[in-house]
Amino acid sequence: MPIEWSIKDDNIIELVVSGQLIYTEFQGMQGQFESVIKEKGKCRILVILKDFAGWNADKGWEDSSATERTDPYIEKFAIVGDEKWRDMVEVFTLKGLRPIPIEYFSADKEQQARDWLDS
């Protein structure tokens, strides 16, 4: 699975995404993730793209219904990764269309992303 996640003491859910995302794996993880978010209450999300290779071409990626269920529990959403993924990731996360602040930080700005989440 190219997604590993953990919960930090300060209510930050940290995900490390590597390799190519496969929709069926993402969908399975999403159900678990949704339960944890609802249980934790308000949280912040940090996604770190490490050796990321994009998404596969499976159908289903257009389903954004999970965001409607989880957004009330998310305060901020930061993504850290290679600049070449910025535009695609911002579209994927529906930046500007969701009621939560979403920011993308270049790979060398992980600490800045963490600081932004804490502000």
C-alpha atoms as a PDB file:
ATOM      1  CA  MET A   1       0.000   0.000   0.000  1.00  0.00           C
ATOM      2  CA  PRO A   2       1.514   3.347  -0.998  1.00  0.00           C
ATOM      3  CA  ILE A   3      -0.233   5.173   1.872  1.00  0.00           C
ATOM      4  CA  GLU A   4       0.943   5.039   5.472  1.00  0.00           C
ATOM      5  CA  TRP A   5      -0.657   7.202   8.110  1.00  0.00           C
ATOM      6  CA  SER A   6      -0.372   8.001  11.781  1.00  0.00           C
ATOM      7  CA  ILE A   7      -1.999  10.291  14.312  1.00  0.00           C
ATOM      8  CA  LYS A   8       0.229  12.781  16.085  1.00  0.00           C
ATOM      9  CA  ASP A   9      -0.463  14.043  19.625  1.00  0.00           C
ATOM     10  CA  ASP A  10      -1.476  17.486  18.435  1.00  0.00           C
ATOM     11  CA  ASN A  11      -4.403  16.117  16.366  1.00  0.00           C
ATOM     12  CA  ILE A  12      -2.458  16.069  13.138  1.00  0.00           C
ATOM     13  CA  ILE A  13      -3.109  13.097  10.907  1.00  0.00           C
ATOM     14  CA  GLU A  14       0.035  12.532   8.871  1.00  0.00           C
ATOM     15  CA  LEU A  15      -0.044  10.550   5.643  1.00  0.00           C
ATOM     16  CA  VAL A  16       2.984   9.504   3.621  1.00  0.00           C
ATOM     17  CA  VAL A  17       2.043   8.686   0.042  1.00  0.00           C
ATOM     18  CA  SER A  18       4.558   6.957  -2.202  1.00  0.00           C
ATOM     19  CA  GLY A  19       4.541   5.180  -5.521  1.00  0.00           C
ATOM     20  CA  GLN A  20       1.430   5.148  -7.664  1.00  0.00           C
ATOM     21  CA  LEU A  21      -1.974   5.390  -5.995  1.00  0.00           C
ATOM     22  CA  ILE A  22      -4.357   2.590  -6.955  1.00  0.00           C
ATOM     23  CA  TYR A  23      -8.023   3.513  -6.608  1.00  0.00           C
ATOM     24  CA  THR A  24      -9.114   0.299  -4.858  1.00  0.00           C
ATOM     25  CA  GLU A  25      -6.348   0.683  -2.247  1.00  0.00           C
ATOM     26  CA  PHE A  26      -7.195   4.358  -1.790  1.00  0.00           C
ATOM     27  CA  GLN A  27     -10.888   3.562  -1.390  1.00  0.00           C
ATOM     28  CA  GLY A  28     -10.173   0.911   1.266  1.00  0.00           C
ATOM     29  CA  MET A  29      -7.954   3.270   3.228  1.00  0.00           C
ATOM     30  CA  GLN A  30     -10.474   6.087   2.869  1.00  0.00           C
ATOM     31  CA  GLY A  31     -13.131   4.193   4.851  1.00  0.00           C
ATOM     32  CA  GLN A  32     -10.754   3.614   7.762  1.00  0.00           C
ATOM     33  CA  PHE A  33      -9.509   7.180   7.566  1.00  0.00           C
ATOM     34  CA  GLU A  34     -13.054   8.571   7.642  1.00  0.00           C
ATOM     35  CA  SER A  35     -13.861   6.667  10.844  1.00  0.00           C
ATOM     36  CA  VAL A  36     -10.711   7.922  12.554  1.00  0.00           C
ATOM     37  CA  ILE A  37     -11.356  11.535  11.560  1.00  0.00           C
ATOM     38  CA  LYS A  38     -14.902  11.440  12.897  1.00  0.00           C
ATOM     39  CA  GLU A  39     -13.721   9.817  16.130  1.00  0.00           C
ATOM     40  CA  LYS A  40     -10.878  12.336  16.689  1.00  0.00           C
ATOM     41  CA  GLY A  41     -13.009  15.393  16.130  1.00  0.00           C
ATOM     42  CA  LYS A  42     -11.315  18.471  14.723  1.00  0.00           C
ATOM     43  CA  CYS A  43      -7.972  17.600  13.176  1.00  0.00           C
ATOM     44  CA  ARG A  44      -5.429  18.842  10.691  1.00  0.00           C
ATOM     45  CA  ILE A  45      -4.086  16.802   7.778  1.00  0.00           C
ATOM     46  CA  LEU A  46      -0.481  16.640   6.577  1.00  0.00           C
ATOM     47  CA  VAL A  47       0.197  14.675   3.400  1.00  0.00           C
ATOM     48  CA  ILE A  48       3.809  14.046   2.428  1.00  0.00           C
ATOM     49  CA  LEU A  49       4.366  12.871  -1.146  1.00  0.00           C
ATOM     50  CA  LYS A  50       7.513  10.754  -1.134  1.00  0.00           C
ATOM     51  CA  ASP A  51       8.664   9.169  -4.409  1.00  0.00           C
ATOM     52  CA  PHE A  52       5.115   9.818  -5.611  1.00  0.00           C
ATOM     53  CA  ALA A  53       4.203   8.522  -9.076  1.00  0.00           C
ATOM     54  CA  GLY A  54       0.640   9.792  -9.513  1.00  0.00           C
ATOM     55  CA  TRP A  55      -2.650   7.938  -9.858  1.00  0.00           C
ATOM     56  CA  ASN A  56      -3.653   4.907 -11.874  1.00  0.00           C
ATOM     57  CA  ALA A  57      -6.302   5.259 -14.571  1.00  0.00           C
ATOM     58  CA  ASP A  58      -9.065   3.316 -12.800  1.00  0.00           C
ATOM     59  CA  LYS A  59     -12.576   4.694 -12.672  1.00  0.00           C
ATOM     60  CA  GLY A  60     -13.864   6.126  -9.415  1.00  0.00           C
ATOM     61  CA  TRP A  61     -11.430   8.955  -8.723  1.00  0.00           C
ATOM     62  CA  GLU A  62     -14.145  11.481  -9.601  1.00  0.00           C
ATOM     63  CA  ASP A  63     -16.201  10.445  -6.541  1.00  0.00           C
ATOM     64  CA  SER A  64     -15.689  13.214  -4.002  1.00  0.00           C
ATOM     65  CA  SER A  65     -18.495  12.222  -1.633  1.00  0.00           C
ATOM     66  CA  ALA A  66     -16.048  11.356   1.168  1.00  0.00           C
ATOM     67  CA  THR A  67     -14.906  14.984   1.318  1.00  0.00           C
ATOM     68  CA  GLU A  68     -18.443  16.055   2.190  1.00  0.00           C
ATOM     69  CA  ARG A  69     -18.461  13.613   5.102  1.00  0.00           C
ATOM     70  CA  THR A  70     -14.988  14.473   6.440  1.00  0.00           C
ATOM     71  CA  ASP A  71     -14.605  18.210   5.792  1.00  0.00           C
ATOM     72  CA  PRO A  72     -16.595  19.205   8.922  1.00  0.00           C
ATOM     73  CA  TYR A  73     -13.851  17.493  10.978  1.00  0.00           C
ATOM     74  CA  ILE A  74     -10.824  18.969   9.182  1.00  0.00           C
ATOM     75  CA  GLU A  75      -9.417  22.363  10.161  1.00  0.00           C
ATOM     76  CA  LYS A  76      -6.546  22.586   7.654  1.00  0.00           C
ATOM     77  CA  PHE A  77      -5.001  20.409   4.960  1.00  0.00           C
ATOM     78  CA  ALA A  78      -1.324  20.688   3.941  1.00  0.00           C
ATOM     79  CA  ILE A  79       0.422  18.740   1.191  1.00  0.00           C
ATOM     80  CA  VAL A  80       4.212  18.546   0.808  1.00  0.00           C
ATOM     81  CA  GLY A  81       5.709  17.274  -2.428  1.00  0.00           C
ATOM     82  CA  ASP A  82       7.602  17.808  -5.630  1.00  0.00           C
ATOM     83  CA  GLU A  83       6.522  20.945  -7.501  1.00  0.00           C
ATOM     84  CA  LYS A  84       5.655  18.894 -10.599  1.00  0.00           C
ATOM     85  CA  TRP A  85       2.610  17.510  -8.735  1.00  0.00           C
ATOM     86  CA  ARG A  86       1.282  20.835  -7.403  1.00  0.00           C
ATOM     87  CA  ASP A  87      -1.404  21.525 -10.029  1.00  0.00           C
ATOM     88  CA  MET A  88      -2.678  17.953 -10.212  1.00  0.00           C
ATOM     89  CA  VAL A  89      -2.794  17.578  -6.430  1.00  0.00           C
ATOM     90  CA  GLU A  90      -4.645  20.861  -6.013  1.00  0.00           C
ATOM     91  CA  VAL A  91      -7.267  19.635  -8.495  1.00  0.00           C
ATOM     92  CA  PHE A  92      -7.383  16.213  -6.799  1.00  0.00           C
ATOM     93  CA  THR A  93      -7.961  17.791  -3.368  1.00  0.00           C
ATOM     94  CA  LEU A  94     -10.531  20.223  -4.790  1.00  0.00           C
ATOM     95  CA  LYS A  95      -8.591  23.201  -3.462  1.00  0.00           C
ATOM     96  CA  GLY A  96     -10.767  26.300  -3.589  1.00  0.00           C
ATOM     97  CA  LEU A  97     -13.971  24.276  -3.768  1.00  0.00           C
ATOM     98  CA  ARG A  98     -13.942  22.895  -0.235  1.00  0.00           C
ATOM     99  CA  PRO A  99     -14.712  24.854   2.951  1.00  0.00           C
ATOM    100  CA  ILE A 100     -11.260  24.132   4.433  1.00  0.00           C
ATOM    101  CA  PRO A 101      -7.915  25.799   3.749  1.00  0.00           C
ATOM    102  CA  ILE A 102      -5.680  23.609   1.575  1.00  0.00           C
ATOM    103  CA  GLU A 103      -2.065  24.550   0.858  1.00  0.00           C
ATOM    104  CA  TYR A 104       0.653  22.849  -1.169  1.00  0.00           C
ATOM    105  CA  PHE A 105       4.300  23.184  -0.089  1.00  0.00           C
ATOM    106  CA  SER A 106       7.359  22.181  -2.092  1.00  0.00           C
ATOM    107  CA  ALA A 107       9.315  19.160  -0.839  1.00  0.00           C
ATOM    108  CA  ASP A 108      11.929  21.305   0.901  1.00  0.00           C
ATOM    109  CA  LYS A 109       9.254  23.202   2.875  1.00  0.00           C
ATOM    110  CA  GLU A 110       7.948  20.454   5.162  1.00  0.00           C
ATOM    111  CA  GLN A 111       8.661  22.474   8.312  1.00  0.00           C
ATOM    112  CA  GLN A 112       6.830  25.451   6.797  1.00  0.00           C
ATOM    113  CA  ALA A 113       3.835  23.188   6.177  1.00  0.00           C
ATOM    114  CA  ARG A 114       3.921  21.999   9.790  1.00  0.00           C
ATOM    115  CA  ASP A 115       4.158  25.597  11.013  1.00  0.00           C
ATOM    116  CA  TRP A 116       1.197  26.581   8.810  1.00  0.00           C
ATOM    117  CA  LEU A 117      -0.873  23.742  10.271  1.00  0.00           C
ATOM    118  CA  ASP A 118      -0.041  24.957  13.771  1.00  0.00           C
ATOM    119  CA  SER A 119      -0.909  28.616  13.062  1.00  0.00           C
END
